[in-house]
Amino acid sequence: MLVSDGTTHLLTDGYFSRVSIPQLFGTIEPNQQRIDNALKQANISELDAIPVLHSHFDHAMDSPMVAQRTGAQLLGSASTAMVGRGGGLPEARITTVQTHHPYRFGDFTLYFVPAGHVPLPAAIENWTGKGEITEPVTPPAPLGAWEEGTSYGLVISHPAGSLLIQGSAGMQPGELDRYQADYALLASASLGKQSEAYQQAFMEETAQAVGAHTVIPVHWDDFFAELRDDVAPLPWALDNLDASFRAMADRHDGDFFVLPPFQRFTLTPPGPTSAPPETAP
């Protein structure tokens, strides 16, 4: 997600290579042409920050290259820092974050909030990696080199409104209770494959916890295909799109809409909002 007030520009994760499923069985690396094409189509030339919400390949792999092309600061876990180092970013351009700590860029304040990754079948979790990255990841590398590390939700506060961006359909109970957000942008991938109890808990611990008036699903598209305006949803084997969207919309007393790739929208908060705490209590 690109978040901008016209002066300061933030981009979560920044994954544009979108390697195909057959490619995952070898070594993978950023696709420079796809990255450049996507940045051009989104009219992105400069970025202030790239917050990475966990370190799997489909979130972190491209981030160092995108940071190099845009001048951005890379923020994320210690695992994400290893991805940055392997991608050639200097230490001064890498921030290993603390949870609930304010990171300021222009009029934006960012808070990384402990979250979790949506449960996946054991074989896929073992393949993609659930642990920490302890050495710099230098592409090309196997898929499992980009282990999950720490997963976060991201609260972005601004005088014009506030956002929660949940990078995976996972959560940590109570972690978002101290925050407020007008919009909740929630990853839906594999949510439709979870139990009713899990879906209920996910919504309670994300959109309901921050009091969002609008829910927007993200991470629903087939990220094994090139990013296009008419991108298809994830294959049914990985998610049930209808069930994922219903899991959110049916449990949300407010607006719900879907953003196709490259479509813009403007925050319309209901009125003055209280700011999140400066530090964790």
C-alpha atoms as a PDB file:
ATOM      1  CA  MET A   1       0.000   0.000   0.000  1.00  0.00           C
ATOM      2  CA  LEU A   2       1.255   3.463  -0.966  1.00  0.00           C
ATOM      3  CA  VAL A   3       0.271   6.037   1.664  1.00  0.00           C
ATOM      4  CA  SER A   4       0.945   9.675   0.816  1.00  0.00           C
ATOM      5  CA  ASP A   5      -0.133  13.168   1.846  1.00  0.00           C
ATOM      6  CA  GLY A   6       1.515  14.686  -1.226  1.00  0.00           C
ATOM      7  CA  THR A   7       4.702  15.509   0.675  1.00  0.00           C
ATOM      8  CA  THR A   8       5.682  12.337   2.502  1.00  0.00           C
ATOM      9  CA  HIS A   9       5.346   8.916   0.911  1.00  0.00           C
ATOM     10  CA  LEU A  10       5.244   5.493   2.579  1.00  0.00           C
ATOM     11  CA  LEU A  11       5.051   2.086   0.881  1.00  0.00           C
ATOM     12  CA  THR A  12       4.378  -1.103   2.804  1.00  0.00           C
ATOM     13  CA  ASP A  13       6.449  -4.121   1.791  1.00  0.00           C
ATOM     14  CA  GLY A  14       6.999  -3.162  -1.855  1.00  0.00           C
ATOM     15  CA  TYR A  15       6.835  -6.591  -3.522  1.00  0.00           C
ATOM     16  CA  PHE A  16       6.444  -6.353  -7.292  1.00  0.00           C
ATOM     17  CA  SER A  17       8.448  -9.283  -8.722  1.00  0.00           C
ATOM     18  CA  ARG A  18       5.611 -11.733  -8.038  1.00  0.00           C
ATOM     19  CA  VAL A  19       7.508 -14.862  -9.025  1.00  0.00           C
ATOM     20  CA  SER A  20       5.427 -17.716 -10.398  1.00  0.00           C
ATOM     21  CA  ILE A  21       4.734 -20.916  -8.465  1.00  0.00           C
ATOM     22  CA  PRO A  22       7.078 -23.062 -10.658  1.00  0.00           C
ATOM     23  CA  GLN A  23       9.900 -20.581  -9.993  1.00  0.00           C
ATOM     24  CA  LEU A  24       9.528 -21.138  -6.246  1.00  0.00           C
ATOM     25  CA  PHE A  25      11.062 -24.598  -6.588  1.00  0.00           C
ATOM     26  CA  GLY A  26      14.423 -23.125  -7.594  1.00  0.00           C
ATOM     27  CA  THR A  27      16.129 -19.949  -6.468  1.00  0.00           C
ATOM     28  CA  ILE A  28      14.357 -16.598  -6.705  1.00  0.00           C
ATOM     29  CA  GLU A  29      15.414 -12.973  -6.913  1.00  0.00           C
ATOM     30  CA  PRO A  30      13.914  -9.525  -7.532  1.00  0.00           C
ATOM     31  CA  ASN A  31      12.692  -8.881 -11.068  1.00  0.00           C
ATOM     32  CA  GLN A  32      14.092  -5.446 -11.906  1.00  0.00           C
ATOM     33  CA  GLN A  33      11.840  -4.907 -14.926  1.00  0.00           C
ATOM     34  CA  ARG A  34       8.650  -5.679 -13.021  1.00  0.00           C
ATOM     35  CA  ILE A  35       9.739  -3.464 -10.138  1.00  0.00           C
ATOM     36  CA  ASP A  36      10.492  -0.550 -12.460  1.00  0.00           C
ATOM     37  CA  ASN A  37       7.244  -1.028 -14.394  1.00  0.00           C
ATOM     38  CA  ALA A  38       5.139  -1.087 -11.226  1.00  0.00           C
ATOM     39  CA  LEU A  39       6.846   1.971  -9.752  1.00  0.00           C
ATOM     40  CA  LYS A  40       6.270   3.833 -13.008  1.00  0.00           C
ATOM     41  CA  GLN A  41       2.610   2.796 -13.222  1.00  0.00           C
ATOM     42  CA  ALA A  42       2.015   3.862  -9.613  1.00  0.00           C
ATOM     43  CA  ASN A  43       3.900   7.133 -10.250  1.00  0.00           C
ATOM     44  CA  ILE A  44       6.382   6.353  -7.476  1.00  0.00           C
ATOM     45  CA  SER A  45       9.761   8.039  -7.833  1.00  0.00           C
ATOM     46  CA  GLU A  46      10.618   8.917  -4.219  1.00  0.00           C
ATOM     47  CA  LEU A  47       9.692   7.262  -0.935  1.00  0.00           C
ATOM     48  CA  ASP A  48      10.471   8.242   2.627  1.00  0.00           C
ATOM     49  CA  ALA A  49       9.939   4.842   4.227  1.00  0.00           C
ATOM     50  CA  ILE A  50       9.222   1.215   3.415  1.00  0.00           C
ATOM     51  CA  PRO A  51       7.746  -0.510   6.478  1.00  0.00           C
ATOM     52  CA  VAL A  52       7.919  -4.297   6.062  1.00  0.00           C
ATOM     53  CA  LEU A  53       5.260  -6.223   7.979  1.00  0.00           C
ATOM     54  CA  HIS A  54       7.038  -9.588   7.944  1.00  0.00           C
ATOM     55  CA  SER A  55       9.962 -11.085   6.083  1.00  0.00           C
ATOM     56  CA  HIS A  56       8.510 -13.735   3.757  1.00  0.00           C
ATOM     57  CA  PHE A  57       9.597 -13.327   0.135  1.00  0.00           C
ATOM     58  CA  ASP A  58       6.252 -11.824  -0.919  1.00  0.00           C
ATOM     59  CA  HIS A  59       6.750  -8.962   1.525  1.00  0.00           C
ATOM     60  CA  ALA A  60      10.493  -8.414   1.909  1.00  0.00           C
ATOM     61  CA  MET A  61      12.346  -9.724  -1.125  1.00  0.00           C
ATOM     62  CA  ASP A  62      12.004  -6.619  -3.305  1.00  0.00           C
ATOM     63  CA  SER A  63      12.147  -4.063  -0.515  1.00  0.00           C
ATOM     64  CA  PRO A  64      15.910  -3.366  -0.621  1.00  0.00           C
ATOM     65  CA  MET A  65      15.821  -2.786  -4.370  1.00  0.00           C
ATOM     66  CA  VAL A  66      12.736  -0.552  -4.087  1.00  0.00           C
ATOM     67  CA  ALA A  67      14.487   1.374  -1.298  1.00  0.00           C
ATOM     68  CA  GLN A  68      17.565   1.823  -3.475  1.00  0.00           C
ATOM     69  CA  ARG A  69      15.491   3.168  -6.359  1.00  0.00           C
ATOM     70  CA  THR A  70      13.439   5.561  -4.236  1.00  0.00           C
ATOM     71  CA  GLY A  71      15.780   6.685  -1.432  1.00  0.00           C
ATOM     72  CA  ALA A  72      13.554   5.133   1.237  1.00  0.00           C
ATOM     73  CA  GLN A  73      14.393   4.064   4.761  1.00  0.00           C
ATOM     74  CA  LEU A  74      13.725   0.343   5.312  1.00  0.00           C
ATOM     75  CA  LEU A  75      11.939  -0.463   8.577  1.00  0.00           C
ATOM     76  CA  GLY A  76      11.112  -3.861  10.012  1.00  0.00           C
ATOM     77  CA  SER A  77      12.242  -6.729  12.196  1.00  0.00           C
ATOM     78  CA  ALA A  78      15.774  -7.998  12.730  1.00  0.00           C
ATOM     79  CA  SER A  79      15.008 -10.499   9.956  1.00  0.00           C
ATOM     80  CA  THR A  80      14.008  -7.710   7.586  1.00  0.00           C
ATOM     81  CA  ALA A  81      17.252  -5.945   8.459  1.00  0.00           C
ATOM     82  CA  MET A  82      19.121  -9.040   7.246  1.00  0.00           C
ATOM     83  CA  VAL A  83      17.197  -8.859   3.966  1.00  0.00           C
ATOM     84  CA  GLY A  84      18.199  -5.210   3.643  1.00  0.00           C
ATOM     85  CA  ARG A  85      21.858  -6.003   4.244  1.00  0.00           C
ATOM     86  CA  GLY A  86      21.817  -8.843   1.734  1.00  0.00           C
ATOM     87  CA  GLY A  87      20.229  -6.476  -0.775  1.00  0.00           C
ATOM     88  CA  GLY A  88      23.082  -3.982  -0.427  1.00  0.00           C
ATOM     89  CA  LEU A  89      21.419  -1.271   1.661  1.00  0.00           C
ATOM     90  CA  PRO A  90      23.791   0.619   3.960  1.00  0.00           C
ATOM     91  CA  GLU A  91      23.200   0.347   7.704  1.00  0.00           C
ATOM     92  CA  ALA A  92      22.101   3.981   7.860  1.00  0.00           C
ATOM     93  CA  ARG A  93      19.125   3.125   5.625  1.00  0.00           C
ATOM     94  CA  ILE A  94      17.968   0.175   7.785  1.00  0.00           C
ATOM     95  CA  THR A  95      15.890   0.552  10.964  1.00  0.00           C
ATOM     96  CA  THR A  96      15.231  -2.435  13.203  1.00  0.00           C
ATOM     97  CA  VAL A  97      11.995  -1.423  14.868  1.00  0.00           C
ATOM     98  CA  GLN A  98      10.692  -1.617  18.408  1.00  0.00           C
ATOM     99  CA  THR A  99       7.042  -2.458  18.879  1.00  0.00           C
ATOM    100  CA  HIS A 100       4.722   0.375  19.976  1.00  0.00           C
ATOM    101  CA  HIS A 101       7.491   2.934  19.359  1.00  0.00           C
ATOM    102  CA  PRO A 102       6.627   6.022  17.286  1.00  0.00           C
ATOM    103  CA  TYR A 103       8.540   6.447  14.010  1.00  0.00           C
ATOM    104  CA  ARG A 104       7.928   9.829  12.417  1.00  0.00           C
ATOM    105  CA  PHE A 105       8.140  10.729   8.738  1.00  0.00           C
ATOM    106  CA  GLY A 106       6.763  14.176   7.948  1.00  0.00           C
ATOM    107  CA  ASP A 107       3.250  14.364   9.423  1.00  0.00           C
ATOM    108  CA  PHE A 108       2.987  10.569   9.625  1.00  0.00           C
ATOM    109  CA  THR A 109       3.643   8.569  12.779  1.00  0.00           C
ATOM    110  CA  LEU A 110       4.102   4.809  12.413  1.00  0.00           C
ATOM    111  CA  TYR A 111       3.603   2.196  15.132  1.00  0.00           C
ATOM    112  CA  PHE A 112       4.622  -1.440  14.619  1.00  0.00           C
ATOM    113  CA  VAL A 113       2.236  -3.616  16.629  1.00  0.00           C
ATOM    114  CA  PRO A 114       2.847  -7.318  17.419  1.00  0.00           C
ATOM    115  CA  ALA A 115       0.656  -9.480  15.202  1.00  0.00           C
ATOM    116  CA  GLY A 116       0.906 -12.976  13.775  1.00  0.00           C
ATOM    117  CA  HIS A 117       0.821 -14.829  10.481  1.00  0.00           C
ATOM    118  CA  VAL A 118      -2.333 -16.573   9.308  1.00  0.00           C
ATOM    119  CA  PRO A 119      -2.034 -20.329   9.962  1.00  0.00           C
ATOM    120  CA  LEU A 120      -0.978 -22.308   6.912  1.00  0.00           C
ATOM    121  CA  PRO A 121      -0.692 -26.050   6.270  1.00  0.00           C
ATOM    122  CA  ALA A 122       2.411 -27.426   7.982  1.00  0.00           C
ATOM    123  CA  ALA A 123       4.111 -28.314   4.696  1.00  0.00           C
ATOM    124  CA  ILE A 124       3.764 -24.744   3.411  1.00  0.00           C
ATOM    125  CA  GLU A 125       4.891 -23.226   6.719  1.00  0.00           C
ATOM    126  CA  ASN A 126       7.987 -25.425   6.675  1.00  0.00           C
ATOM    127  CA  TRP A 127       8.698 -24.476   3.065  1.00  0.00           C
ATOM    128  CA  THR A 128       8.261 -20.722   3.495  1.00  0.00           C
ATOM    129  CA  GLY A 129       9.929 -20.537   6.901  1.00  0.00           C
ATOM    130  CA  LYS A 130       8.569 -19.610  10.329  1.00  0.00           C
ATOM    131  CA  GLY A 131      11.855 -18.711  12.028  1.00  0.00           C
ATOM    132  CA  GLU A 132      14.254 -15.787  12.121  1.00  0.00           C
ATOM    133  CA  ILE A 133      16.740 -14.748   9.440  1.00  0.00           C
ATOM    134  CA  THR A 134      20.182 -14.705  11.064  1.00  0.00           C
ATOM    135  CA  GLU A 135      22.433 -13.988   8.069  1.00  0.00           C
ATOM    136  CA  PRO A 136      22.127 -11.484   5.205  1.00  0.00           C
ATOM    137  CA  VAL A 137      19.960 -12.849   2.378  1.00  0.00           C
ATOM    138  CA  THR A 138      21.704 -12.293  -0.955  1.00  0.00           C
ATOM    139  CA  PRO A 139      19.522 -13.127  -3.987  1.00  0.00           C
ATOM    140  CA  PRO A 140      19.177 -15.406  -5.797  1.00  0.00           C
ATOM    141  CA  ALA A 141      18.286 -17.677  -2.911  1.00  0.00           C
ATOM    142  CA  PRO A 142      15.782 -20.428  -2.091  1.00  0.00           C
ATOM    143  CA  LEU A 143      12.290 -19.396  -1.057  1.00  0.00           C
ATOM    144  CA  GLY A 144      12.905 -20.483   2.544  1.00  0.00           C
ATOM    145  CA  ALA A 145      15.765 -18.012   2.955  1.00  0.00           C
ATOM    146  CA  TRP A 146      13.120 -15.331   3.504  1.00  0.00           C
ATOM    147  CA  GLU A 147      11.798 -16.628   6.824  1.00  0.00           C
ATOM    148  CA  GLU A 148       8.842 -14.927   8.469  1.00  0.00           C
ATOM    149  CA  GLY A 149      10.690 -13.261  11.340  1.00  0.00           C
ATOM    150  CA  THR A 150       8.348 -11.064  13.390  1.00  0.00           C
ATOM    151  CA  SER A 151       4.911 -10.214  11.991  1.00  0.00           C
ATOM    152  CA  TYR A 152       3.409  -6.804  12.622  1.00  0.00           C
ATOM    153  CA  GLY A 153       0.308  -4.771  12.194  1.00  0.00           C
ATOM    154  CA  LEU A 154       1.058  -1.178  11.272  1.00  0.00           C
ATOM    155  CA  VAL A 155      -0.858   1.802  12.647  1.00  0.00           C
ATOM    156  CA  ILE A 156      -0.290   5.000  10.669  1.00  0.00           C
ATOM    157  CA  SER A 157      -1.444   8.230  12.291  1.00  0.00           C
ATOM    158  CA  HIS A 158      -1.793  11.545  10.432  1.00  0.00           C
ATOM    159  CA  PRO A 159      -3.770  14.749  10.998  1.00  0.00           C
ATOM    160  CA  ALA A 160      -5.971  13.778   8.023  1.00  0.00           C
ATOM    161  CA  GLY A 161      -6.840  10.335   9.378  1.00  0.00           C
ATOM    162  CA  SER A 162      -5.435   7.035  10.537  1.00  0.00           C
ATOM    163  CA  LEU A 163      -4.949   3.529   9.156  1.00  0.00           C
ATOM    164  CA  LEU A 164      -4.357   0.027  10.408  1.00  0.00           C
ATOM    165  CA  ILE A 165      -2.597  -2.200   7.894  1.00  0.00           C
ATOM    166  CA  GLN A 166      -2.496  -5.884   8.853  1.00  0.00           C
ATOM    167  CA  GLY A 167       0.015  -7.630   6.596  1.00  0.00           C
ATOM    168  CA  SER A 168      -1.270 -11.138   7.271  1.00  0.00           C
ATOM    169  CA  ALA A 169      -4.580 -12.462   8.562  1.00  0.00           C
ATOM    170  CA  GLY A 170      -3.095 -13.057  11.994  1.00  0.00           C
ATOM    171  CA  MET A 171      -3.338 -11.194  15.289  1.00  0.00           C
ATOM    172  CA  GLN A 172      -2.130 -10.971  18.876  1.00  0.00           C
ATOM    173  CA  PRO A 173      -4.890 -10.534  21.468  1.00  0.00           C
ATOM    174  CA  GLY A 174      -5.072  -7.091  23.048  1.00  0.00           C
ATOM    175  CA  GLU A 175      -2.148  -5.523  21.172  1.00  0.00           C
ATOM    176  CA  LEU A 176      -4.295  -3.071  19.186  1.00  0.00           C
ATOM    177  CA  ASP A 177      -6.618  -2.072  22.038  1.00  0.00           C
ATOM    178  CA  ARG A 178      -4.612   1.096  22.747  1.00  0.00           C
ATOM    179  CA  TYR A 179      -4.921   2.395  19.174  1.00  0.00           C
ATOM    180  CA  GLN A 180      -7.564   4.066  17.022  1.00  0.00           C
ATOM    181  CA  ALA A 181      -7.787   3.891  13.242  1.00  0.00           C
ATOM    182  CA  ASP A 182     -10.385   5.145  10.783  1.00  0.00           C
ATOM    183  CA  TYR A 183      -9.621   2.479   8.174  1.00  0.00           C
ATOM    184  CA  ALA A 184      -8.561  -1.137   8.645  1.00  0.00           C
ATOM    185  CA  LEU A 185      -6.727  -2.609   5.654  1.00  0.00           C
ATOM    186  CA  LEU A 186      -6.736  -6.299   6.469  1.00  0.00           C
ATOM    187  CA  ALA A 187      -4.926  -9.120   4.687  1.00  0.00           C
ATOM    188  CA  SER A 188      -7.492 -11.666   3.586  1.00  0.00           C
ATOM    189  CA  ALA A 189      -5.200 -14.372   2.130  1.00  0.00           C
ATOM    190  CA  SER A 190      -6.191 -17.749   3.628  1.00  0.00           C
ATOM    191  CA  LEU A 191      -8.694 -16.180   6.046  1.00  0.00           C
ATOM    192  CA  GLY A 192     -11.472 -18.020   4.231  1.00  0.00           C
ATOM    193  CA  LYS A 193      -9.768 -21.330   5.045  1.00  0.00           C
ATOM    194  CA  GLN A 194      -9.878 -20.668   8.808  1.00  0.00           C
ATOM    195  CA  SER A 195     -12.568 -21.636  11.322  1.00  0.00           C
ATOM    196  CA  GLU A 196     -15.513 -19.417  12.196  1.00  0.00           C
ATOM    197  CA  ALA A 197     -13.998 -18.898  15.650  1.00  0.00           C
ATOM    198  CA  TYR A 198     -10.695 -17.783  14.152  1.00  0.00           C
ATOM    199  CA  GLN A 199     -12.392 -15.380  11.745  1.00  0.00           C
ATOM    200  CA  GLN A 200     -14.399 -13.864  14.598  1.00  0.00           C
ATOM    201  CA  ALA A 201     -11.302 -13.412  16.756  1.00  0.00           C
ATOM    202  CA  PHE A 202      -9.388 -11.875  13.853  1.00  0.00           C
ATOM    203  CA  MET A 203     -12.007  -9.180  13.305  1.00  0.00           C
ATOM    204  CA  GLU A 204     -12.367  -8.504  17.031  1.00  0.00           C
ATOM    205  CA  GLU A 205      -8.621  -8.074  17.455  1.00  0.00           C
ATOM    206  CA  THR A 206      -8.140  -5.844  14.385  1.00  0.00           C
ATOM    207  CA  ALA A 207     -10.937  -3.715  12.896  1.00  0.00           C
ATOM    208  CA  GLN A 208     -13.109  -3.780  16.003  1.00  0.00           C
ATOM    209  CA  ALA A 209     -10.187  -3.159  18.347  1.00  0.00           C
ATOM    210  CA  VAL A 210      -9.252   0.099  16.603  1.00  0.00           C
ATOM    211  CA  GLY A 211     -12.856   1.193  15.947  1.00  0.00           C
ATOM    212  CA  ALA A 212     -12.420   1.393  12.165  1.00  0.00           C
ATOM    213  CA  HIS A 213     -15.408   2.737  10.227  1.00  0.00           C
ATOM    214  CA  THR A 214     -14.180   1.134   6.974  1.00  0.00           C
ATOM    215  CA  VAL A 215     -12.604  -2.235   6.207  1.00  0.00           C
ATOM    216  CA  ILE A 216     -10.630  -2.783   2.998  1.00  0.00           C
ATOM    217  CA  PRO A 217      -9.234  -6.260   2.230  1.00  0.00           C
ATOM    218  CA  VAL A 218      -5.645  -6.417   0.977  1.00  0.00           C
ATOM    219  CA  HIS A 219      -3.295  -9.264   0.041  1.00  0.00           C
ATOM    220  CA  TRP A 220      -6.210 -11.049  -1.671  1.00  0.00           C
ATOM    221  CA  ASP A 221      -4.760 -11.119  -5.170  1.00  0.00           C
ATOM    222  CA  ASP A 222      -2.735 -13.800  -6.931  1.00  0.00           C
ATOM    223  CA  PHE A 223       0.770 -12.623  -6.034  1.00  0.00           C
ATOM    224  CA  PHE A 224       2.246 -15.352  -8.236  1.00  0.00           C
ATOM    225  CA  ALA A 225       1.183 -13.377 -11.331  1.00  0.00           C
ATOM    226  CA  GLU A 226       2.339  -9.971 -12.572  1.00  0.00           C
ATOM    227  CA  LEU A 227       0.618  -7.055 -10.888  1.00  0.00           C
ATOM    228  CA  ARG A 228      -2.077  -5.705 -13.218  1.00  0.00           C
ATOM    229  CA  ASP A 229      -5.274  -3.693 -12.907  1.00  0.00           C
ATOM    230  CA  ASP A 230      -7.268  -6.859 -13.638  1.00  0.00           C
ATOM    231  CA  VAL A 231      -5.282  -9.198 -11.371  1.00  0.00           C
ATOM    232  CA  ALA A 232      -7.021 -12.446 -10.431  1.00  0.00           C
ATOM    233  CA  PRO A 233      -7.575 -13.605  -6.848  1.00  0.00           C
ATOM    234  CA  LEU A 234      -5.417 -16.250  -5.217  1.00  0.00           C
ATOM    235  CA  PRO A 235      -6.034 -19.792  -6.480  1.00  0.00           C
ATOM    236  CA  TRP A 236      -8.786 -21.628  -4.604  1.00  0.00           C
ATOM    237  CA  ALA A 237      -6.253 -24.087  -3.149  1.00  0.00           C
ATOM    238  CA  LEU A 238      -4.716 -21.202  -1.193  1.00  0.00           C
ATOM    239  CA  ASP A 239      -7.829 -19.202  -0.379  1.00  0.00           C
ATOM    240  CA  ASN A 240     -11.581 -18.984  -0.867  1.00  0.00           C
ATOM    241  CA  LEU A 241     -12.007 -15.330  -1.821  1.00  0.00           C
ATOM    242  CA  ASP A 242     -15.749 -15.231  -1.244  1.00  0.00           C
ATOM    243  CA  ALA A 243     -15.367 -16.816   2.208  1.00  0.00           C
ATOM    244  CA  SER A 244     -12.513 -14.444   3.104  1.00  0.00           C
ATOM    245  CA  PHE A 245     -14.462 -11.345   2.125  1.00  0.00           C
ATOM    246  CA  ARG A 246     -17.597 -12.568   3.899  1.00  0.00           C
ATOM    247  CA  ALA A 247     -15.565 -13.292   7.024  1.00  0.00           C
ATOM    248  CA  MET A 248     -14.741  -9.581   7.125  1.00  0.00           C
ATOM    249  CA  ALA A 249     -17.854  -7.914   5.737  1.00  0.00           C
ATOM    250  CA  ASP A 250     -20.355  -9.963   7.764  1.00  0.00           C
ATOM    251  CA  ARG A 251     -18.532  -9.107  10.988  1.00  0.00           C
ATOM    252  CA  HIS A 252     -18.088  -5.394  10.330  1.00  0.00           C
ATOM    253  CA  ASP A 253     -20.709  -2.776  11.137  1.00  0.00           C
ATOM    254  CA  GLY A 254     -19.533  -0.177   8.647  1.00  0.00           C
ATOM    255  CA  ASP A 255     -18.259   0.290   5.110  1.00  0.00           C
ATOM    256  CA  PHE A 256     -16.479  -2.479   3.208  1.00  0.00           C
ATOM    257  CA  PHE A 257     -14.946  -2.113  -0.236  1.00  0.00           C
ATOM    258  CA  VAL A 258     -12.220  -3.601  -2.403  1.00  0.00           C
ATOM    259  CA  LEU A 259      -9.436  -1.637  -4.083  1.00  0.00           C
ATOM    260  CA  PRO A 260      -8.116  -2.986  -7.400  1.00  0.00           C
ATOM    261  CA  PRO A 261      -4.368  -2.513  -7.944  1.00  0.00           C
ATOM    262  CA  PHE A 262      -3.254   1.076  -8.621  1.00  0.00           C
ATOM    263  CA  GLN A 263      -6.647   2.543  -7.649  1.00  0.00           C
ATOM    264  CA  ARG A 264      -6.433   5.495  -5.270  1.00  0.00           C
ATOM    265  CA  PHE A 265      -8.738   6.592  -2.483  1.00  0.00           C
ATOM    266  CA  THR A 266      -8.776   9.545  -0.100  1.00  0.00           C
ATOM    267  CA  LEU A 267      -9.170   9.275   3.651  1.00  0.00           C
ATOM    268  CA  THR A 268     -12.440  10.683   4.942  1.00  0.00           C
ATOM    269  CA  PRO A 269     -12.283  10.372   8.738  1.00  0.00           C
ATOM    270  CA  PRO A 270     -15.506  11.122  10.648  1.00  0.00           C
ATOM    271  CA  GLY A 271     -13.952  13.898  12.719  1.00  0.00           C
ATOM    272  CA  PRO A 272     -11.121  14.689  15.161  1.00  0.00           C
ATOM    273  CA  THR A 273      -9.439  11.578  16.505  1.00  0.00           C
ATOM    274  CA  SER A 274      -7.274  10.935  19.535  1.00  0.00           C
ATOM    275  CA  ALA A 275      -3.623  10.199  18.941  1.00  0.00           C
ATOM    276  CA  PRO A 276      -2.069   6.831  19.885  1.00  0.00           C
ATOM    277  CA  PRO A 277       0.250   6.763  22.884  1.00  0.00           C
ATOM    278  CA  GLU A 278       3.824   7.906  22.367  1.00  0.00           C
ATOM    279  CA  THR A 279       5.214   4.779  24.035  1.00  0.00           C
ATOM    280  CA  ALA A 280       3.904   1.513  25.351  1.00  0.00           C
ATOM    281  CA  PRO A 281       2.536   1.709  28.914  1.00  0.00           C
END
